[in-house]
Amino acid sequence: MRLNELKDNPGSRKMRIRIGRGIGSGMGKMGGRGGKGQTARSGVRLGGFEGGQMPLHRRLPKRGFNKRNRKVFNEVPLGRLQAAVDANLIDPAKPVDVAALVAAGVIRRPLDGVRILGGGELTAKLALTVDHATAGAKAAIESAGGSIALIEKKVLPADEEKRKKSAAKKTKTTKPKAAASED
């Protein structure tokens, strides 16, 4: 084999179709845009217009809710923690937090926190510091002799004050109006 004999597999490289380059090109005259009218021009805004009929995206019901500032957590099952301990990537004698999990390659990057799930077996005695843990995961960690500390979120005093005011408004009951005196 020589360098001048190297070439791609047949069909691996394909020239793009150059539209609107004359009748002989096969994609000339109207250039794949169809006939005349609005859609033959640029800047068409006919995304879901169905001639006055209610468009499909409006006929279908709304479903669900997407929170705007939702937090995305790294979800780590117990089985993956045990596999990292077995591979000597996590030292059970040291505390395990987000930095230790990233260094061990259990998670790629810290997102908004770590959530421990109860999938798999855990036999190692680990001292975990994470954001969330399921009830089954907590029980499994404690039964293996380990401990789990949940990171408490910082609450600003202004937010706490606002929460107290809204709670007070909800509990505040309005007194019923006295019955109008009958004459």
Protein backbone atom coordinates (compact mmCIF):
# COMPACT_ATOMS: atom_id res chain seq x y z
CA MET A 1 0.00 0.00 0.00
CA ARG A 2 1.26 3.45 -0.93
CA LEU A 3 0.08 6.90 0.00
CA ASN A 4 -1.11 7.59 -3.53
CA GLU A 5 -3.31 4.48 -3.40
CA LEU A 6 -5.26 5.62 -0.32
CA LYS A 7 -8.85 6.63 -0.99
CA ASP A 8 -12.19 6.74 0.78
CA ASN A 9 -14.68 3.92 0.67
CA PRO A 10 -17.06 4.23 -2.27
CA GLY A 11 -20.09 6.33 -1.28
CA SER A 12 -18.50 7.85 1.83
CA ARG A 13 -18.12 11.28 0.24
CA LYS A 14 -21.02 12.88 -1.49
CA MET A 15 -21.20 16.26 -3.20
CA ARG A 16 -23.95 18.56 -2.03
CA ILE A 17 -26.71 19.38 -4.50
CA ARG A 18 -26.27 22.92 -5.84
CA ILE A 19 -29.80 24.12 -6.42
CA GLY A 20 -30.92 26.83 -8.79
CA ARG A 21 -28.03 26.45 -11.25
CA GLY A 22 -29.92 25.94 -14.48
CA ILE A 23 -32.13 23.30 -16.10
CA GLY A 24 -29.22 20.96 -16.82
CA SER A 25 -28.31 20.65 -13.14
CA GLY A 26 -31.52 18.77 -12.36
CA MET A 27 -32.40 21.25 -9.59
CA GLY A 28 -32.83 24.39 -11.65
CA LYS A 29 -35.71 26.71 -12.50
CA MET A 30 -37.62 26.80 -9.17
CA GLY A 31 -34.86 25.16 -7.11
CA GLY A 32 -37.04 22.74 -5.15
CA ARG A 33 -39.36 25.46 -3.86
CA GLY A 34 -42.41 24.21 -5.70
CA GLY A 35 -44.77 26.52 -7.55
CA LYS A 36 -45.51 30.19 -7.15
CA GLY A 37 -46.93 31.89 -4.12
CA GLN A 38 -45.94 32.75 -0.57
CA THR A 39 -43.96 29.60 0.18
CA ALA A 40 -41.78 30.12 -2.89
CA ARG A 41 -40.43 33.29 -1.27
CA SER A 42 -38.10 33.74 1.68
CA GLY A 43 -39.34 34.89 5.07
CA VAL A 44 -42.44 32.69 5.20
CA ARG A 45 -44.11 32.52 8.63
CA LEU A 46 -46.46 29.62 8.05
CA GLY A 47 -45.18 27.37 10.85
CA GLY A 48 -48.45 25.82 11.93
CA PHE A 49 -51.04 27.64 9.85
CA GLU A 50 -53.72 25.29 8.55
CA GLY A 51 -55.88 27.67 6.53
CA GLY A 52 -57.85 28.98 9.48
CA GLN A 53 -58.48 25.53 10.95
CA MET A 54 -57.22 25.22 14.52
CA PRO A 55 -53.57 24.11 14.16
CA LEU A 56 -52.50 20.74 15.49
CA HIS A 57 -50.24 22.19 18.18
CA ARG A 58 -53.22 24.11 19.57
CA ARG A 59 -55.69 21.20 19.27
CA LEU A 60 -53.56 18.99 21.51
CA PRO A 61 -53.95 19.44 25.28
CA LYS A 62 -51.26 20.97 27.44
CA ARG A 63 -49.47 18.43 29.59
CA GLY A 64 -47.05 18.73 32.47
CA PHE A 65 -45.01 21.57 33.84
CA ASN A 66 -41.40 22.56 33.29
CA LYS A 67 -39.90 24.41 36.21
CA ARG A 68 -37.83 27.38 35.07
CA ASN A 69 -34.90 27.13 37.47
CA ARG A 70 -34.99 23.44 38.18
CA LYS A 71 -31.94 21.83 39.70
CA VAL A 72 -30.21 18.97 37.91
CA PHE A 73 -28.55 16.47 40.23
CA ASN A 74 -25.98 13.77 39.60
CA GLU A 75 -27.79 10.54 40.50
CA VAL A 76 -25.46 7.89 41.88
CA PRO A 77 -26.76 4.42 42.77
CA LEU A 78 -25.22 2.50 45.66
CA GLY A 79 -23.95 -0.19 43.26
CA ARG A 80 -21.75 2.36 41.47
CA LEU A 81 -20.29 3.52 44.80
CA GLN A 82 -19.49 -0.08 45.75
CA ALA A 83 -17.88 -0.71 42.34
CA ALA A 84 -15.67 2.38 42.83
CA VAL A 85 -14.66 1.14 46.31
CA ASP A 86 -13.87 -2.33 44.90
CA ALA A 87 -11.71 -0.76 42.16
CA ASN A 88 -9.82 1.26 44.84
CA LEU A 89 -11.02 4.55 43.35
CA ILE A 90 -12.73 5.61 46.58
CA ASP A 91 -11.00 5.23 49.95
CA PRO A 92 -13.59 4.14 52.55
CA ALA A 93 -11.47 5.63 55.35
CA LYS A 94 -11.81 9.15 53.95
CA PRO A 95 -15.03 11.19 53.74
CA VAL A 96 -16.76 10.98 50.35
CA ASP A 97 -18.09 14.22 48.90
CA VAL A 98 -18.64 15.68 45.42
CA ALA A 99 -14.92 16.33 44.85
CA ALA A 100 -14.02 12.74 45.79
CA LEU A 101 -16.70 11.37 43.43
CA VAL A 102 -15.39 13.50 40.55
CA ALA A 103 -11.79 12.46 41.28
CA ALA A 104 -12.84 8.79 41.34
CA GLY A 105 -14.67 9.15 38.02
CA VAL A 106 -18.03 8.17 39.51
CA ILE A 107 -19.52 11.41 38.20
CA ARG A 108 -18.13 13.47 35.34
CA ARG A 109 -18.83 16.95 36.68
CA PRO A 110 -20.71 18.35 39.65
CA LEU A 111 -24.05 19.69 38.51
CA ASP A 112 -26.35 21.22 41.14
CA GLY A 113 -25.55 18.47 43.64
CA VAL A 114 -25.47 14.70 44.18
CA ARG A 115 -28.43 12.44 44.90
CA ILE A 116 -27.76 8.91 46.18
CA LEU A 117 -30.18 6.25 44.93
CA GLY A 118 -30.83 2.87 46.49
CA GLY A 119 -30.01 0.65 43.48
CA GLY A 120 -27.44 -2.08 44.15
CA GLU A 121 -25.63 -3.41 47.22
CA LEU A 122 -23.30 -1.46 49.48
CA THR A 123 -20.98 -3.31 51.85
CA ALA A 124 -18.31 -0.64 52.37
CA LYS A 125 -18.43 1.67 55.36
CA LEU A 126 -18.61 5.15 53.80
CA ALA A 127 -18.99 8.62 55.28
CA LEU A 128 -20.96 10.47 52.60
CA THR A 129 -21.69 14.19 52.32
CA VAL A 130 -24.28 14.77 49.59
CA ASP A 131 -27.32 16.90 48.78
CA HIS A 132 -30.03 14.21 48.73
CA ALA A 133 -30.47 10.51 49.42
CA THR A 134 -33.47 8.23 49.11
CA ALA A 135 -34.84 6.54 52.22
CA GLY A 136 -33.66 3.12 50.97
CA ALA A 137 -30.17 4.48 50.28
CA LYS A 138 -29.94 6.01 53.77
CA ALA A 139 -30.98 2.73 55.35
CA ALA A 140 -28.48 0.73 53.27
CA ILE A 141 -25.59 3.10 54.08
CA GLU A 142 -26.35 3.04 57.80
CA SER A 143 -26.81 -0.74 57.85
CA ALA A 144 -23.36 -1.10 56.24
CA GLY A 145 -21.93 0.92 59.15
CA GLY A 146 -21.52 4.17 57.24
CA SER A 147 -22.94 7.61 57.79
CA ILE A 148 -24.63 10.14 55.55
CA ALA A 149 -24.68 13.90 56.02
CA LEU A 150 -27.03 15.97 53.90
CA ILE A 151 -25.86 19.41 52.80
CA GLU A 152 -28.23 22.05 54.07
CA LYS A 153 -29.13 24.78 51.61
CA LYS A 154 -28.37 28.34 52.64
CA VAL A 155 -31.49 30.43 53.17
CA LEU A 156 -31.11 34.18 53.01
CA PRO A 157 -32.70 36.16 55.86
CA ALA A 158 -34.85 38.11 53.38
CA ASP A 159 -36.22 34.87 51.92
CA GLU A 160 -36.94 33.50 55.40
CA GLU A 161 -38.76 36.72 56.29
CA LYS A 162 -40.85 36.52 53.10
CA ARG A 163 -41.74 32.90 53.86
CA LYS A 164 -42.87 33.79 57.39
CA LYS A 165 -45.06 36.62 56.10
CA SER A 166 -46.77 34.41 53.52
CA ALA A 167 -47.31 31.69 56.14
CA ALA A 168 -48.83 34.27 58.49
CA LYS A 169 -51.20 35.43 55.77
CA LYS A 170 -52.38 31.88 55.14
CA THR A 171 -53.01 31.11 58.82
CA LYS A 172 -54.66 34.43 59.49
CA THR A 173 -58.37 33.81 59.53
CA THR A 174 -60.84 36.50 58.65
CA LYS A 175 -63.50 37.07 61.25
CA PRO A 176 -67.00 36.30 59.98
CA LYS A 177 -69.15 39.35 59.55
CA ALA A 178 -71.83 39.83 62.16
CA ALA A 179 -75.27 38.94 60.94
CA ALA A 180 -77.15 42.00 59.80
CA SER A 181 -79.63 43.09 62.41
CA GLU A 182 -83.17 42.44 61.34
CA ASP A 183 -85.63 45.30 61.77
